[in-house]
Amino acid sequence: MVGPEQSLLVVGSMLVISLWALIACIRNPVLPWYAKLIWAALIIVSCTIPLGAVAYGIYWLYLKGKTTSSGG
């Protein structure tokens, strides 16, 4: 089972890689501006999905901890 520390490490490394890819995409002199825009949108969307999953997981763990501590 993967703990919250490992999942945060994975998401953090994904964000660093995505940021690096975003910078490399924007600084690429070969790509036209619309291709840069499309790639930047794809990279940003791929960043928000794991962030949303982590936020949902933290919220779910918080609710689970809240109900178990008050219930028992």
C-alpha atoms as a PDB file:
ATOM      1  CA  MET A   1       0.000   0.000   0.000  1.00  0.00           C
ATOM      2  CA  VAL A   2       1.264   3.445  -0.904  1.00  0.00           C
ATOM      3  CA  GLY A   3       1.318   5.940   1.940  1.00  0.00           C
ATOM      4  CA  PRO A   4       0.584   9.652   1.639  1.00  0.00           C
ATOM      5  CA  GLU A   5       4.306  10.477   1.674  1.00  0.00           C
ATOM      6  CA  GLN A   6       4.984   8.332  -1.386  1.00  0.00           C
ATOM      7  CA  SER A   7       1.980   9.712  -3.250  1.00  0.00           C
ATOM      8  CA  LEU A   8       3.059  13.291  -2.531  1.00  0.00           C
ATOM      9  CA  LEU A   9       6.555  12.434  -3.737  1.00  0.00           C
ATOM     10  CA  VAL A  10       5.164  10.989  -6.966  1.00  0.00           C
ATOM     11  CA  VAL A  11       2.897  13.974  -7.571  1.00  0.00           C
ATOM     12  CA  GLY A  12       5.726  16.383  -6.754  1.00  0.00           C
ATOM     13  CA  SER A  13       8.041  14.708  -9.235  1.00  0.00           C
ATOM     14  CA  MET A  14       5.252  14.719 -11.834  1.00  0.00           C
ATOM     15  CA  LEU A  15       4.796  18.459 -11.300  1.00  0.00           C
ATOM     16  CA  VAL A  16       8.529  19.096 -11.651  1.00  0.00           C
ATOM     17  CA  ILE A  17       8.661  17.063 -14.877  1.00  0.00           C
ATOM     18  CA  SER A  18       5.572  18.819 -16.204  1.00  0.00           C
ATOM     19  CA  LEU A  19       7.002  22.229 -15.363  1.00  0.00           C
ATOM     20  CA  TRP A  20      10.236  21.301 -17.117  1.00  0.00           C
ATOM     21  CA  ALA A  21       8.252  20.109 -20.154  1.00  0.00           C
ATOM     22  CA  LEU A  22       6.221  23.326 -20.143  1.00  0.00           C
ATOM     23  CA  ILE A  23       9.359  25.488 -20.109  1.00  0.00           C
ATOM     24  CA  ALA A  24      10.976  23.368 -22.824  1.00  0.00           C
ATOM     25  CA  CYS A  25       7.829  23.609 -24.936  1.00  0.00           C
ATOM     26  CA  ILE A  26       7.578  27.386 -24.592  1.00  0.00           C
ATOM     27  CA  ARG A  27      11.284  27.941 -25.307  1.00  0.00           C
ATOM     28  CA  ASN A  28      11.280  25.651 -28.366  1.00  0.00           C
ATOM     29  CA  PRO A  29      12.036  27.881 -31.378  1.00  0.00           C
ATOM     30  CA  VAL A  30      10.744  25.326 -33.909  1.00  0.00           C
ATOM     31  CA  LEU A  31       7.151  25.089 -32.706  1.00  0.00           C
ATOM     32  CA  PRO A  32       4.636  27.691 -33.888  1.00  0.00           C
ATOM     33  CA  TRP A  33       2.711  29.639 -31.271  1.00  0.00           C
ATOM     34  CA  TYR A  34      -0.496  27.618 -31.599  1.00  0.00           C
ATOM     35  CA  ALA A  35       1.392  24.349 -31.080  1.00  0.00           C
ATOM     36  CA  LYS A  36       2.978  25.845 -27.964  1.00  0.00           C
ATOM     37  CA  LEU A  37      -0.482  26.837 -26.746  1.00  0.00           C
ATOM     38  CA  ILE A  38      -1.879  23.334 -27.329  1.00  0.00           C
ATOM     39  CA  TRP A  39       1.083  21.636 -25.616  1.00  0.00           C
ATOM     40  CA  ALA A  40       0.939  24.063 -22.692  1.00  0.00           C
ATOM     41  CA  ALA A  41      -2.780  23.369 -22.241  1.00  0.00           C
ATOM     42  CA  LEU A  42      -2.184  19.601 -22.356  1.00  0.00           C
ATOM     43  CA  ILE A  43       0.635  19.822 -19.811  1.00  0.00           C
ATOM     44  CA  ILE A  44      -1.404  22.039 -17.463  1.00  0.00           C
ATOM     45  CA  VAL A  45      -4.416  19.706 -17.674  1.00  0.00           C
ATOM     46  CA  SER A  46      -2.207  16.689 -16.993  1.00  0.00           C
ATOM     47  CA  CYS A  47      -0.894  18.532 -13.911  1.00  0.00           C
ATOM     48  CA  THR A  48      -4.312  19.327 -12.516  1.00  0.00           C
ATOM     49  CA  ILE A  49      -5.587  15.737 -12.646  1.00  0.00           C
ATOM     50  CA  PRO A  50      -3.091  14.325 -10.080  1.00  0.00           C
ATOM     51  CA  LEU A  51      -3.433  17.457  -7.953  1.00  0.00           C
ATOM     52  CA  GLY A  52      -7.186  17.015  -7.873  1.00  0.00           C
ATOM     53  CA  ALA A  53      -6.761  13.340  -7.012  1.00  0.00           C
ATOM     54  CA  VAL A  54      -4.430  14.192  -4.138  1.00  0.00           C
ATOM     55  CA  ALA A  55      -6.770  16.907  -2.854  1.00  0.00           C
ATOM     56  CA  TYR A  56      -9.674  14.455  -3.000  1.00  0.00           C
ATOM     57  CA  GLY A  57      -7.603  11.806  -1.213  1.00  0.00           C
ATOM     58  CA  ILE A  58      -6.598  14.213   1.549  1.00  0.00           C
ATOM     59  CA  TYR A  59     -10.214  15.362   1.921  1.00  0.00           C
ATOM     60  CA  TRP A  60     -11.417  11.745   2.048  1.00  0.00           C
ATOM     61  CA  LEU A  61      -8.799  10.825   4.654  1.00  0.00           C
ATOM     62  CA  TYR A  62      -9.777  13.894   6.678  1.00  0.00           C
ATOM     63  CA  LEU A  63     -13.458  12.928   6.575  1.00  0.00           C
ATOM     64  CA  LYS A  64     -12.633   9.315   7.415  1.00  0.00           C
ATOM     65  CA  GLY A  65     -10.505  10.404  10.367  1.00  0.00           C
ATOM     66  CA  LYS A  66     -13.195  12.824  11.514  1.00  0.00           C
ATOM     67  CA  THR A  67     -15.965  10.210  11.449  1.00  0.00           C
ATOM     68  CA  THR A  68     -13.894   7.480  13.127  1.00  0.00           C
ATOM     69  CA  SER A  69     -12.634   9.759  15.898  1.00  0.00           C
ATOM     70  CA  SER A  70     -16.090  11.128  16.707  1.00  0.00           C
ATOM     71  CA  GLY A  71     -17.894   7.825  16.203  1.00  0.00           C
ATOM     72  CA  GLY A  72     -15.676   5.643  18.332  1.00  0.00           C
END
